[in-house]
Amino acid sequence: MLQQTPVASVLPYYDDWLRRFPDFATLARVPESEVLCAWQGLGYYARARRLHAAAKLVQERHGGILPADATAIQALPGIGRYTANAIATFAFEQSVPVVEANIVRVLARLFDQEVAIDSATGRKSIWRHATDLLPSRHAANHNSALMDLGALVCTVRAPKCQICPVQNFCRATNPESLPVKRPRPRTRQLVETHSFVVRQNKILLQ
């Protein structure tokens, strides 16, 4: 639910969802229409459909218990590397890296990465840095701390470098210029011509 949706909007839906579908078995056996009804208002309905499909797979392949391994979690519909690793580290204390917007910004500045973070090379570099910094124990605390560092100190604008706990290790000379993103393509103006046919108070649709 938190993908592309702020926490404040999610909370009431989350509580209602758990009342309706307290476990994978319950979610797996209801029709898709009931799932979409519970999701109504959150948008991006493909997320609800994938969650429903994931519940069925967990029920069929894992006996209704979510696997603790990040690779197995990522094999479920609608779950990418970030979500799988976040579940694995926060729910199961697995030592896996987590890379989200705040952590990307922290790592791009910490290592003064000038390669665009939305390029294949840039993403690979960020994940490598996140993996290299990962401790063998208490990875959840580490990942959470990186998120908080980005959200509260290493902010998008006016980063608070003077109070940053990792300032002695930061290589960035101009933090606000990082992370670098690829330039957006120029907007193209398109002109389309449309017409419609009316005959005897009827409109031709094709």
N, C-alpha and C. Protein backbone atom coordinates (compact mmCIF):
# COMPACT_ATOMS: atom_id res chain seq x y z
N MET A 1 0.82 -1.21 0.00
CA MET A 1 0.00 0.00 0.00
C MET A 1 0.85 1.27 0.00
N LEU A 2 2.05 1.18 0.55
CA LEU A 2 2.91 2.36 0.66
C LEU A 2 3.63 2.69 -0.64
N GLN A 3 3.56 1.80 -1.62
CA GLN A 3 4.18 2.11 -2.91
C GLN A 3 3.37 3.20 -3.60
N GLN A 4 4.00 4.33 -3.84
CA GLN A 4 3.38 5.48 -4.53
C GLN A 4 2.26 6.15 -3.72
N THR A 5 2.15 5.84 -2.43
CA THR A 5 1.07 6.41 -1.60
C THR A 5 1.62 6.79 -0.23
N PRO A 6 1.33 8.01 0.25
CA PRO A 6 1.85 8.44 1.55
C PRO A 6 1.24 7.69 2.73
N VAL A 7 1.97 7.66 3.83
CA VAL A 7 1.57 6.91 5.02
C VAL A 7 0.21 7.35 5.55
N ALA A 8 -0.02 8.65 5.60
CA ALA A 8 -1.27 9.17 6.15
C ALA A 8 -2.49 8.63 5.40
N SER A 9 -2.35 8.45 4.10
CA SER A 9 -3.47 7.94 3.30
C SER A 9 -3.64 6.43 3.48
N VAL A 10 -2.55 5.76 3.77
CA VAL A 10 -2.56 4.30 3.86
C VAL A 10 -3.14 3.78 5.17
N LEU A 11 -2.85 4.44 6.28
CA LEU A 11 -3.17 3.90 7.60
C LEU A 11 -4.61 3.40 7.77
N PRO A 12 -5.63 4.18 7.42
CA PRO A 12 -7.00 3.66 7.61
C PRO A 12 -7.29 2.45 6.72
N TYR A 13 -6.74 2.44 5.51
CA TYR A 13 -6.93 1.29 4.62
C TYR A 13 -6.23 0.05 5.17
N TYR A 14 -5.06 0.25 5.74
CA TYR A 14 -4.28 -0.86 6.29
C TYR A 14 -5.04 -1.54 7.43
N ASP A 15 -5.58 -0.74 8.33
CA ASP A 15 -6.34 -1.29 9.47
C ASP A 15 -7.57 -2.05 8.99
N ASP A 16 -8.29 -1.45 8.03
CA ASP A 16 -9.49 -2.10 7.51
C ASP A 16 -9.13 -3.39 6.76
N TRP A 17 -8.01 -3.35 6.03
CA TRP A 17 -7.56 -4.52 5.26
C TRP A 17 -7.29 -5.70 6.19
N LEU A 18 -6.60 -5.44 7.30
CA LEU A 18 -6.27 -6.53 8.23
C LEU A 18 -7.51 -7.09 8.93
N ARG A 19 -8.52 -6.24 9.10
CA ARG A 19 -9.78 -6.75 9.66
C ARG A 19 -10.48 -7.68 8.67
N ARG A 20 -10.44 -7.30 7.40
CA ARG A 20 -11.10 -8.10 6.36
C ARG A 20 -10.31 -9.36 6.02
N PHE A 21 -8.99 -9.18 5.90
CA PHE A 21 -8.12 -10.27 5.45
C PHE A 21 -6.97 -10.46 6.44
N PRO A 22 -7.23 -11.13 7.57
CA PRO A 22 -6.22 -11.24 8.63
C PRO A 22 -5.04 -12.16 8.28
N ASP A 23 -5.20 -12.98 7.23
CA ASP A 23 -4.10 -13.89 6.87
C ASP A 23 -4.16 -14.18 5.38
N PHE A 24 -3.13 -14.89 4.89
CA PHE A 24 -3.05 -15.20 3.47
C PHE A 24 -4.21 -16.09 3.02
N ALA A 25 -4.61 -17.02 3.88
CA ALA A 25 -5.68 -17.95 3.52
C ALA A 25 -6.98 -17.20 3.23
N THR A 26 -7.31 -16.23 4.08
CA THR A 26 -8.54 -15.45 3.89
C THR A 26 -8.48 -14.65 2.60
N LEU A 27 -7.34 -13.99 2.38
CA LEU A 27 -7.19 -13.17 1.17
C LEU A 27 -7.22 -14.04 -0.08
N ALA A 28 -6.60 -15.20 -0.02
CA ALA A 28 -6.50 -16.06 -1.20
C ALA A 28 -7.85 -16.59 -1.67
N ARG A 29 -8.79 -16.79 -0.75
CA ARG A 29 -10.04 -17.45 -1.14
C ARG A 29 -11.17 -16.47 -1.52
N VAL A 30 -10.98 -15.17 -1.31
CA VAL A 30 -12.05 -14.23 -1.69
C VAL A 30 -11.93 -13.89 -3.17
N PRO A 31 -13.03 -13.51 -3.82
CA PRO A 31 -12.96 -13.13 -5.24
C PRO A 31 -12.22 -11.80 -5.42
N GLU A 32 -11.69 -11.61 -6.61
CA GLU A 32 -10.94 -10.38 -6.90
C GLU A 32 -11.78 -9.13 -6.69
N SER A 33 -13.07 -9.21 -6.99
CA SER A 33 -13.96 -8.04 -6.84
C SER A 33 -13.98 -7.55 -5.40
N GLU A 34 -13.94 -8.46 -4.43
CA GLU A 34 -13.93 -8.08 -3.01
C GLU A 34 -12.61 -7.41 -2.64
N VAL A 35 -11.51 -7.90 -3.21
CA VAL A 35 -10.20 -7.31 -2.97
C VAL A 35 -10.16 -5.88 -3.51
N LEU A 36 -10.66 -5.69 -4.72
CA LEU A 36 -10.66 -4.36 -5.34
C LEU A 36 -11.57 -3.40 -4.59
N CYS A 37 -12.65 -3.92 -4.05
CA CYS A 37 -13.57 -3.09 -3.26
C CYS A 37 -12.87 -2.57 -2.00
N ALA A 38 -12.11 -3.43 -1.35
CA ALA A 38 -11.37 -3.03 -0.14
C ALA A 38 -10.28 -2.03 -0.47
N TRP A 39 -9.78 -2.09 -1.69
CA TRP A 39 -8.67 -1.22 -2.13
C TRP A 39 -9.18 0.12 -2.67
N GLN A 40 -10.47 0.21 -2.92
CA GLN A 40 -11.04 1.37 -3.60
C GLN A 40 -10.66 2.67 -2.92
N GLY A 41 -10.07 3.59 -3.68
CA GLY A 41 -9.63 4.88 -3.15
C GLY A 41 -8.12 5.00 -3.06
N LEU A 42 -7.42 3.86 -3.03
CA LEU A 42 -5.96 3.89 -2.96
C LEU A 42 -5.32 4.06 -4.34
N GLY A 43 -6.04 3.67 -5.39
CA GLY A 43 -5.49 3.78 -6.73
C GLY A 43 -4.46 2.72 -7.04
N TYR A 44 -3.91 2.80 -8.25
CA TYR A 44 -2.92 1.81 -8.72
C TYR A 44 -3.42 0.39 -8.41
N TYR A 45 -4.55 0.05 -8.99
CA TYR A 45 -5.23 -1.20 -8.64
C TYR A 45 -4.45 -2.46 -9.00
N ALA A 46 -3.45 -2.32 -9.86
CA ALA A 46 -2.61 -3.49 -10.18
C ALA A 46 -1.93 -4.01 -8.92
N ARG A 47 -1.67 -3.11 -7.96
CA ARG A 47 -1.05 -3.54 -6.70
C ARG A 47 -1.97 -4.50 -5.94
N ALA A 48 -3.26 -4.21 -5.94
CA ALA A 48 -4.23 -5.07 -5.24
C ALA A 48 -4.31 -6.43 -5.93
N ARG A 49 -4.32 -6.41 -7.25
CA ARG A 49 -4.40 -7.68 -7.99
C ARG A 49 -3.15 -8.52 -7.74
N ARG A 50 -1.99 -7.89 -7.72
CA ARG A 50 -0.75 -8.63 -7.48
C ARG A 50 -0.70 -9.16 -6.04
N LEU A 51 -1.19 -8.37 -5.11
CA LEU A 51 -1.22 -8.82 -3.72
C LEU A 51 -2.13 -10.04 -3.56
N HIS A 52 -3.24 -9.99 -4.26
CA HIS A 52 -4.18 -11.12 -4.25
C HIS A 52 -3.51 -12.37 -4.84
N ALA A 53 -2.81 -12.18 -5.97
CA ALA A 53 -2.11 -13.29 -6.61
C ALA A 53 -0.99 -13.81 -5.71
N ALA A 54 -0.30 -12.91 -5.03
CA ALA A 54 0.77 -13.32 -4.12
C ALA A 54 0.22 -14.15 -2.97
N ALA A 55 -0.93 -13.76 -2.44
CA ALA A 55 -1.55 -14.51 -1.34
C ALA A 55 -1.87 -15.94 -1.78
N LYS A 56 -2.35 -16.09 -3.01
CA LYS A 56 -2.66 -17.42 -3.52
C LYS A 56 -1.40 -18.27 -3.62
N LEU A 57 -0.30 -17.66 -4.09
CA LEU A 57 0.95 -18.41 -4.22
C LEU A 57 1.52 -18.79 -2.86
N VAL A 58 1.45 -17.86 -1.90
CA VAL A 58 1.93 -18.17 -0.55
C VAL A 58 1.12 -19.31 0.04
N GLN A 59 -0.17 -19.30 -0.22
CA GLN A 59 -1.04 -20.36 0.29
C GLN A 59 -0.71 -21.71 -0.37
N GLU A 60 -0.50 -21.67 -1.68
CA GLU A 60 -0.28 -22.91 -2.42
C GLU A 60 1.12 -23.48 -2.21
N ARG A 61 2.13 -22.60 -2.25
CA ARG A 61 3.52 -23.08 -2.26
C ARG A 61 4.19 -23.08 -0.90
N HIS A 62 3.70 -22.22 0.02
CA HIS A 62 4.39 -22.07 1.30
C HIS A 62 3.48 -22.34 2.50
N GLY A 63 2.34 -22.98 2.25
CA GLY A 63 1.45 -23.35 3.34
C GLY A 63 0.87 -22.17 4.10
N GLY A 64 0.71 -21.04 3.40
CA GLY A 64 0.13 -19.86 4.03
C GLY A 64 1.09 -19.06 4.89
N ILE A 65 2.38 -19.42 4.86
CA ILE A 65 3.39 -18.70 5.66
C ILE A 65 4.37 -18.00 4.72
N LEU A 66 4.53 -16.72 4.88
CA LEU A 66 5.46 -15.97 4.02
C LEU A 66 6.89 -16.45 4.25
N PRO A 67 7.62 -16.79 3.18
CA PRO A 67 9.00 -17.24 3.37
C PRO A 67 9.87 -16.10 3.88
N ALA A 68 10.91 -16.44 4.63
CA ALA A 68 11.78 -15.43 5.22
C ALA A 68 12.91 -15.03 4.29
N ASP A 69 13.15 -15.80 3.26
CA ASP A 69 14.25 -15.54 2.33
C ASP A 69 13.88 -14.47 1.32
N ALA A 70 14.76 -13.48 1.14
CA ALA A 70 14.47 -12.36 0.24
C ALA A 70 14.26 -12.81 -1.19
N THR A 71 15.02 -13.80 -1.65
CA THR A 71 14.87 -14.29 -3.02
C THR A 71 13.51 -14.93 -3.23
N ALA A 72 13.05 -15.70 -2.26
CA ALA A 72 11.73 -16.34 -2.35
C ALA A 72 10.62 -15.30 -2.29
N ILE A 73 10.81 -14.27 -1.48
CA ILE A 73 9.81 -13.20 -1.39
C ILE A 73 9.72 -12.46 -2.72
N GLN A 74 10.88 -12.19 -3.33
CA GLN A 74 10.90 -11.45 -4.59
C GLN A 74 10.25 -12.24 -5.72
N ALA A 75 10.15 -13.55 -5.59
CA ALA A 75 9.51 -14.38 -6.62
C ALA A 75 8.00 -14.21 -6.63
N LEU A 76 7.44 -13.54 -5.63
CA LEU A 76 5.99 -13.34 -5.56
C LEU A 76 5.59 -12.18 -6.47
N PRO A 77 4.37 -12.19 -7.01
CA PRO A 77 3.91 -11.13 -7.91
C PRO A 77 3.94 -9.76 -7.25
N GLY A 78 4.42 -8.77 -7.99
CA GLY A 78 4.39 -7.39 -7.52
C GLY A 78 5.46 -7.01 -6.53
N ILE A 79 6.40 -7.89 -6.25
CA ILE A 79 7.45 -7.59 -5.27
C ILE A 79 8.81 -7.55 -5.95
N GLY A 80 9.43 -6.38 -5.91
CA GLY A 80 10.76 -6.20 -6.49
C GLY A 80 11.83 -6.36 -5.44
N ARG A 81 13.04 -6.01 -5.83
CA ARG A 81 14.18 -6.22 -4.93
C ARG A 81 14.07 -5.39 -3.65
N TYR A 82 13.67 -4.12 -3.79
CA TYR A 82 13.58 -3.26 -2.61
C TYR A 82 12.55 -3.80 -1.62
N THR A 83 11.34 -4.08 -2.10
CA THR A 83 10.28 -4.55 -1.20
C THR A 83 10.65 -5.89 -0.56
N ALA A 84 11.20 -6.80 -1.37
CA ALA A 84 11.60 -8.11 -0.83
C ALA A 84 12.65 -7.96 0.26
N ASN A 85 13.65 -7.12 0.01
CA ASN A 85 14.70 -6.92 1.01
C ASN A 85 14.18 -6.21 2.24
N ALA A 86 13.27 -5.25 2.05
CA ALA A 86 12.71 -4.54 3.20
C ALA A 86 11.94 -5.50 4.10
N ILE A 87 11.15 -6.38 3.49
CA ILE A 87 10.41 -7.38 4.28
C ILE A 87 11.38 -8.31 4.99
N ALA A 88 12.40 -8.76 4.25
CA ALA A 88 13.36 -9.71 4.82
C ALA A 88 14.13 -9.12 5.99
N THR A 89 14.51 -7.85 5.89
CA THR A 89 15.33 -7.26 6.95
C THR A 89 14.49 -6.82 8.14
N PHE A 90 13.30 -6.23 7.89
CA PHE A 90 12.51 -5.70 9.00
C PHE A 90 11.63 -6.75 9.66
N ALA A 91 11.16 -7.72 8.88
CA ALA A 91 10.29 -8.75 9.46
C ALA A 91 11.07 -9.97 9.94
N PHE A 92 12.19 -10.27 9.27
CA PHE A 92 12.90 -11.51 9.56
C PHE A 92 14.36 -11.31 9.95
N GLU A 93 14.78 -10.06 10.14
CA GLU A 93 16.15 -9.76 10.58
C GLU A 93 17.22 -10.34 9.65
N GLN A 94 16.89 -10.43 8.36
CA GLN A 94 17.88 -10.91 7.39
C GLN A 94 18.87 -9.78 7.09
N SER A 95 20.13 -10.15 6.89
CA SER A 95 21.16 -9.15 6.60
C SER A 95 21.22 -8.89 5.10
N VAL A 96 20.29 -8.08 4.63
CA VAL A 96 20.23 -7.72 3.21
C VAL A 96 20.11 -6.20 3.10
N PRO A 97 20.66 -5.61 2.02
CA PRO A 97 20.60 -4.16 1.88
C PRO A 97 19.21 -3.69 1.46
N VAL A 98 18.88 -2.47 1.82
CA VAL A 98 17.63 -1.84 1.39
C VAL A 98 18.00 -0.54 0.70
N VAL A 99 17.42 -0.33 -0.46
CA VAL A 99 17.70 0.90 -1.21
C VAL A 99 16.38 1.56 -1.59
N GLU A 100 16.08 2.69 -0.95
CA GLU A 100 14.91 3.50 -1.30
C GLU A 100 15.39 4.94 -1.46
N ALA A 101 14.48 5.87 -1.71
CA ALA A 101 14.85 7.23 -2.11
C ALA A 101 15.80 7.90 -1.13
N ASN A 102 15.51 7.82 0.17
CA ASN A 102 16.37 8.47 1.16
C ASN A 102 17.76 7.84 1.20
N ILE A 103 17.81 6.52 1.13
CA ILE A 103 19.09 5.82 1.17
C ILE A 103 19.90 6.09 -0.09
N VAL A 104 19.23 6.17 -1.22
CA VAL A 104 19.92 6.50 -2.48
C VAL A 104 20.62 7.85 -2.35
N ARG A 105 19.91 8.82 -1.81
CA ARG A 105 20.48 10.17 -1.66
C ARG A 105 21.68 10.15 -0.72
N VAL A 106 21.56 9.45 0.40
CA VAL A 106 22.66 9.37 1.37
C VAL A 106 23.89 8.72 0.73
N LEU A 107 23.69 7.61 0.06
CA LEU A 107 24.83 6.89 -0.52
C LEU A 107 25.45 7.65 -1.69
N ALA A 108 24.61 8.28 -2.51
CA ALA A 108 25.14 9.06 -3.64
C ALA A 108 26.03 10.18 -3.14
N ARG A 109 25.64 10.81 -2.03
CA ARG A 109 26.46 11.89 -1.47
C ARG A 109 27.67 11.35 -0.72
N LEU A 110 27.46 10.31 0.04
CA LEU A 110 28.54 9.73 0.84
C LEU A 110 29.71 9.31 -0.05
N PHE A 111 29.39 8.75 -1.23
CA PHE A 111 30.43 8.28 -2.14
C PHE A 111 30.64 9.22 -3.33
N ASP A 112 30.00 10.40 -3.27
CA ASP A 112 30.14 11.41 -4.33
C ASP A 112 29.92 10.79 -5.71
N GLN A 113 28.83 10.08 -5.84
CA GLN A 113 28.54 9.39 -7.10
C GLN A 113 28.01 10.35 -8.14
N GLU A 114 28.73 10.50 -9.22
CA GLU A 114 28.33 11.41 -10.29
C GLU A 114 27.62 10.69 -11.43
N VAL A 115 27.54 9.35 -11.34
CA VAL A 115 26.78 8.59 -12.34
C VAL A 115 25.30 8.68 -11.97
N ALA A 116 24.46 8.91 -12.96
CA ALA A 116 23.02 9.08 -12.72
C ALA A 116 22.43 7.87 -12.00
N ILE A 117 21.68 8.14 -10.94
CA ILE A 117 21.12 7.05 -10.13
C ILE A 117 19.99 6.32 -10.84
N ASP A 118 19.42 6.93 -11.90
CA ASP A 118 18.36 6.26 -12.64
C ASP A 118 18.88 5.58 -13.90
N SER A 119 20.19 5.40 -13.97
CA SER A 119 20.79 4.61 -15.05
C SER A 119 21.12 3.23 -14.50
N ALA A 120 21.30 2.26 -15.39
CA ALA A 120 21.61 0.89 -14.95
C ALA A 120 22.92 0.86 -14.16
N THR A 121 23.91 1.59 -14.64
CA THR A 121 25.21 1.64 -13.95
C THR A 121 25.08 2.30 -12.59
N GLY A 122 24.32 3.39 -12.54
CA GLY A 122 24.13 4.11 -11.28
C GLY A 122 23.40 3.30 -10.24
N ARG A 123 22.34 2.61 -10.66
CA ARG A 123 21.58 1.77 -9.72
C ARG A 123 22.46 0.64 -9.19
N LYS A 124 23.22 0.04 -10.08
CA LYS A 124 24.10 -1.06 -9.68
C LYS A 124 25.14 -0.58 -8.67
N SER A 125 25.66 0.63 -8.88
CA SER A 125 26.65 1.19 -7.97
C SER A 125 26.06 1.45 -6.59
N ILE A 126 24.85 2.01 -6.54
CA ILE A 126 24.19 2.28 -5.26
C ILE A 126 23.95 0.99 -4.50
N TRP A 127 23.45 -0.03 -5.18
CA TRP A 127 23.21 -1.32 -4.51
C TRP A 127 24.52 -1.93 -3.99
N ARG A 128 25.59 -1.73 -4.75
CA ARG A 128 26.88 -2.27 -4.32
C ARG A 128 27.36 -1.57 -3.05
N HIS A 129 27.22 -0.24 -3.02
CA HIS A 129 27.60 0.52 -1.82
C HIS A 129 26.76 0.08 -0.62
N ALA A 130 25.45 -0.09 -0.84
CA ALA A 130 24.56 -0.50 0.25
C ALA A 130 24.96 -1.87 0.79
N THR A 131 25.36 -2.75 -0.11
CA THR A 131 25.79 -4.09 0.29
C THR A 131 27.11 -4.05 1.05
N ASP A 132 28.04 -3.23 0.57
CA ASP A 132 29.36 -3.13 1.21
C ASP A 132 29.27 -2.59 2.64
N LEU A 133 28.31 -1.70 2.88
CA LEU A 133 28.18 -1.08 4.21
C LEU A 133 27.38 -1.94 5.19
N LEU A 134 26.74 -2.97 4.67
CA LEU A 134 25.81 -3.76 5.49
C LEU A 134 26.53 -4.54 6.59
N PRO A 135 26.09 -4.43 7.83
CA PRO A 135 26.67 -5.24 8.90
C PRO A 135 26.13 -6.66 8.86
N SER A 136 26.85 -7.58 9.44
CA SER A 136 26.40 -8.98 9.45
C SER A 136 25.28 -9.20 10.46
N ARG A 137 25.16 -8.31 11.45
CA ARG A 137 24.11 -8.40 12.46
C ARG A 137 23.39 -7.07 12.57
N HIS A 138 22.15 -7.12 13.04
CA HIS A 138 21.34 -5.92 13.26
C HIS A 138 21.18 -5.08 11.99
N ALA A 139 20.99 -5.75 10.87
CA ALA A 139 20.84 -5.05 9.59
C ALA A 139 19.59 -4.17 9.57
N ALA A 140 18.53 -4.59 10.27
CA ALA A 140 17.30 -3.79 10.29
C ALA A 140 17.56 -2.42 10.91
N ASN A 141 18.31 -2.38 12.02
CA ASN A 141 18.65 -1.10 12.65
C ASN A 141 19.49 -0.25 11.71
N HIS A 142 20.44 -0.88 11.03
CA HIS A 142 21.30 -0.18 10.09
C HIS A 142 20.49 0.43 8.95
N ASN A 143 19.62 -0.37 8.33
CA ASN A 143 18.82 0.11 7.21
C ASN A 143 17.85 1.21 7.64
N SER A 144 17.27 1.04 8.81
CA SER A 144 16.35 2.06 9.34
C SER A 144 17.08 3.36 9.62
N ALA A 145 18.30 3.24 10.14
CA ALA A 145 19.10 4.43 10.44
C ALA A 145 19.45 5.19 9.16
N LEU A 146 19.77 4.46 8.10
CA LEU A 146 20.07 5.12 6.82
C LEU A 146 18.85 5.87 6.29
N MET A 147 17.68 5.25 6.42
CA MET A 147 16.44 5.92 5.99
C MET A 147 16.22 7.20 6.77
N ASP A 148 16.36 7.11 8.09
CA ASP A 148 16.16 8.28 8.94
C ASP A 148 17.20 9.37 8.67
N LEU A 149 18.43 8.95 8.39
CA LEU A 149 19.49 9.92 8.08
C LEU A 149 19.12 10.72 6.84
N GLY A 150 18.59 10.04 5.83
CA GLY A 150 18.18 10.73 4.62
C GLY A 150 16.95 11.59 4.81
N ALA A 151 16.02 11.12 5.61
CA ALA A 151 14.77 11.85 5.82
C ALA A 151 14.94 13.08 6.70
N LEU A 152 15.84 13.01 7.69
CA LEU A 152 15.94 14.07 8.69
C LEU A 152 17.19 14.94 8.59
N VAL A 153 18.29 14.39 8.08
CA VAL A 153 19.56 15.13 8.06
C VAL A 153 20.04 15.37 6.63
N CYS A 154 20.20 14.31 5.88
CA CYS A 154 20.71 14.41 4.50
C CYS A 154 19.53 14.65 3.55
N THR A 155 18.86 15.78 3.76
CA THR A 155 17.62 16.08 3.06
C THR A 155 17.88 16.55 1.63
N VAL A 156 16.82 16.58 0.84
CA VAL A 156 16.95 16.96 -0.57
C VAL A 156 17.54 18.36 -0.69
N ARG A 157 16.96 19.31 0.05
CA ARG A 157 17.45 20.69 0.04
C ARG A 157 17.99 21.04 1.43
N ALA A 158 19.01 21.85 1.43
CA ALA A 158 19.64 22.31 2.68
C ALA A 158 19.97 21.15 3.62
N PRO A 159 20.79 20.21 3.19
CA PRO A 159 21.18 19.11 4.09
C PRO A 159 21.93 19.65 5.30
N LYS A 160 21.69 19.04 6.46
CA LYS A 160 22.28 19.51 7.71
C LYS A 160 23.65 18.84 7.93
N CYS A 161 24.59 19.19 7.07
CA CYS A 161 25.91 18.54 7.10
C CYS A 161 26.64 18.76 8.42
N GLN A 162 26.40 19.91 9.06
CA GLN A 162 27.13 20.23 10.29
C GLN A 162 26.79 19.30 11.45
N ILE A 163 25.62 18.65 11.39
CA ILE A 163 25.25 17.73 12.47
C ILE A 163 25.20 16.28 11.99
N CYS A 164 25.65 16.03 10.77
CA CYS A 164 25.58 14.69 10.20
C CYS A 164 26.58 13.77 10.90
N PRO A 165 26.14 12.61 11.38
CA PRO A 165 27.04 11.70 12.10
C PRO A 165 28.09 11.04 11.21
N VAL A 166 27.93 11.14 9.89
CA VAL A 166 28.93 10.53 9.00
C VAL A 166 29.66 11.58 8.16
N GLN A 167 29.65 12.82 8.62
CA GLN A 167 30.27 13.89 7.83
C GLN A 167 31.75 13.66 7.59
N ASN A 168 32.45 13.01 8.53
CA ASN A 168 33.89 12.77 8.36
C ASN A 168 34.19 11.76 7.26
N PHE A 169 33.18 11.00 6.87
CA PHE A 169 33.39 9.99 5.82
C PHE A 169 32.79 10.41 4.49
N CYS A 170 32.06 11.52 4.47
CA CYS A 170 31.35 11.94 3.26
C CYS A 170 32.30 12.58 2.26
N ARG A 171 32.23 12.13 1.02
CA ARG A 171 33.12 12.63 -0.03
C ARG A 171 32.52 13.77 -0.83
N ALA A 172 31.24 14.06 -0.61
CA ALA A 172 30.56 15.07 -1.42
C ALA A 172 31.08 16.47 -1.13
N THR A 173 31.45 17.20 -2.17
CA THR A 173 31.86 18.60 -2.01
C THR A 173 30.68 19.54 -2.23
N ASN A 174 29.69 19.09 -2.96
CA ASN A 174 28.49 19.89 -3.20
C ASN A 174 27.26 18.97 -3.05
N PRO A 175 26.88 18.68 -1.80
CA PRO A 175 25.82 17.69 -1.54
C PRO A 175 24.50 17.97 -2.25
N GLU A 176 24.13 19.25 -2.36
CA GLU A 176 22.83 19.56 -2.94
C GLU A 176 22.75 19.24 -4.44
N SER A 177 23.91 19.05 -5.07
CA SER A 177 23.92 18.71 -6.50
C SER A 177 23.74 17.21 -6.72
N LEU A 178 23.70 16.46 -5.64
CA LEU A 178 23.57 15.01 -5.71
C LEU A 178 22.27 14.56 -5.06
N PRO A 179 21.67 13.49 -5.48
CA PRO A 179 22.12 12.59 -6.54
C PRO A 179 21.84 13.13 -7.94
N VAL A 180 22.64 12.69 -8.90
CA VAL A 180 22.48 13.08 -10.30
C VAL A 180 21.43 12.18 -10.95
N LYS A 181 20.58 12.80 -11.76
CA LYS A 181 19.59 12.03 -12.53
C LYS A 181 19.74 12.35 -14.01
N ARG A 182 19.35 11.42 -14.84
CA ARG A 182 19.43 11.64 -16.28
C ARG A 182 18.47 12.77 -16.68
N PRO A 183 18.87 13.59 -17.65
CA PRO A 183 17.97 14.68 -18.07
C PRO A 183 16.69 14.12 -18.68
N ARG A 184 15.60 14.78 -18.39
CA ARG A 184 14.32 14.34 -18.95
C ARG A 184 14.28 14.66 -20.44
N PRO A 185 13.65 13.80 -21.22
CA PRO A 185 13.53 14.10 -22.65
C PRO A 185 12.67 15.34 -22.86
N ARG A 186 12.97 16.08 -23.91
CA ARG A 186 12.19 17.29 -24.20
C ARG A 186 10.75 16.94 -24.51
N THR A 187 9.85 17.80 -24.06
CA THR A 187 8.44 17.60 -24.32
C THR A 187 8.15 17.85 -25.80
N ARG A 188 7.46 16.91 -26.42
CA ARG A 188 7.10 17.06 -27.83
C ARG A 188 5.64 17.46 -27.94
N GLN A 189 5.39 18.46 -28.76
CA GLN A 189 4.01 18.89 -28.97
C GLN A 189 3.41 18.09 -30.12
N LEU A 190 2.30 17.43 -29.84
CA LEU A 190 1.61 16.65 -30.86
C LEU A 190 0.26 17.28 -31.17
N VAL A 191 -0.06 17.32 -32.43
CA VAL A 191 -1.35 17.86 -32.86
C VAL A 191 -2.15 16.73 -33.51
N GLU A 192 -3.33 16.47 -32.99
CA GLU A 192 -4.19 15.42 -33.54
C GLU A 192 -5.50 16.03 -34.03
N THR A 193 -5.97 15.53 -35.14
CA THR A 193 -7.23 16.02 -35.71
C THR A 193 -8.32 14.97 -35.48
N HIS A 194 -9.44 15.39 -34.96
CA HIS A 194 -10.55 14.47 -34.70
C HIS A 194 -11.83 15.00 -35.36
N SER A 195 -12.68 14.08 -35.68
CA SER A 195 -13.99 14.47 -36.20
C SER A 195 -15.03 13.46 -35.75
N PHE A 196 -16.31 13.84 -35.83
CA PHE A 196 -17.36 12.89 -35.51
C PHE A 196 -18.54 13.13 -36.44
N VAL A 197 -19.29 12.08 -36.62
CA VAL A 197 -20.42 12.12 -37.56
C VAL A 197 -21.73 12.08 -36.79
N VAL A 198 -22.61 13.03 -37.07
CA VAL A 198 -23.93 13.07 -36.45
C VAL A 198 -24.98 12.88 -37.53
N ARG A 199 -25.88 11.94 -37.31
CA ARG A 199 -26.96 11.72 -38.27
C ARG A 199 -28.21 11.31 -37.51
N GLN A 200 -29.27 12.03 -37.73
CA GLN A 200 -30.55 11.75 -37.06
C GLN A 200 -30.38 11.61 -35.55
N ASN A 201 -29.73 12.61 -34.98
CA ASN A 201 -29.51 12.69 -33.52
C ASN A 201 -28.72 11.51 -32.97
N LYS A 202 -27.93 10.88 -33.81
CA LYS A 202 -27.06 9.80 -33.39
C LYS A 202 -25.62 10.13 -33.75
N ILE A 203 -24.68 9.71 -32.88
CA ILE A 203 -23.26 9.96 -33.12
C ILE A 203 -22.59 8.63 -33.50
N LEU A 204 -21.84 8.67 -34.57
CA LEU A 204 -21.12 7.47 -35.02
C LEU A 204 -19.86 7.31 -34.17
N LEU A 205 -19.73 6.17 -33.53
CA LEU A 205 -18.54 5.85 -32.76
C LEU A 205 -17.85 4.67 -33.40
N GLN A 206 -16.54 4.76 -33.58
CA GLN A 206 -15.79 3.65 -34.17
C GLN A 206 -14.49 3.46 -33.43
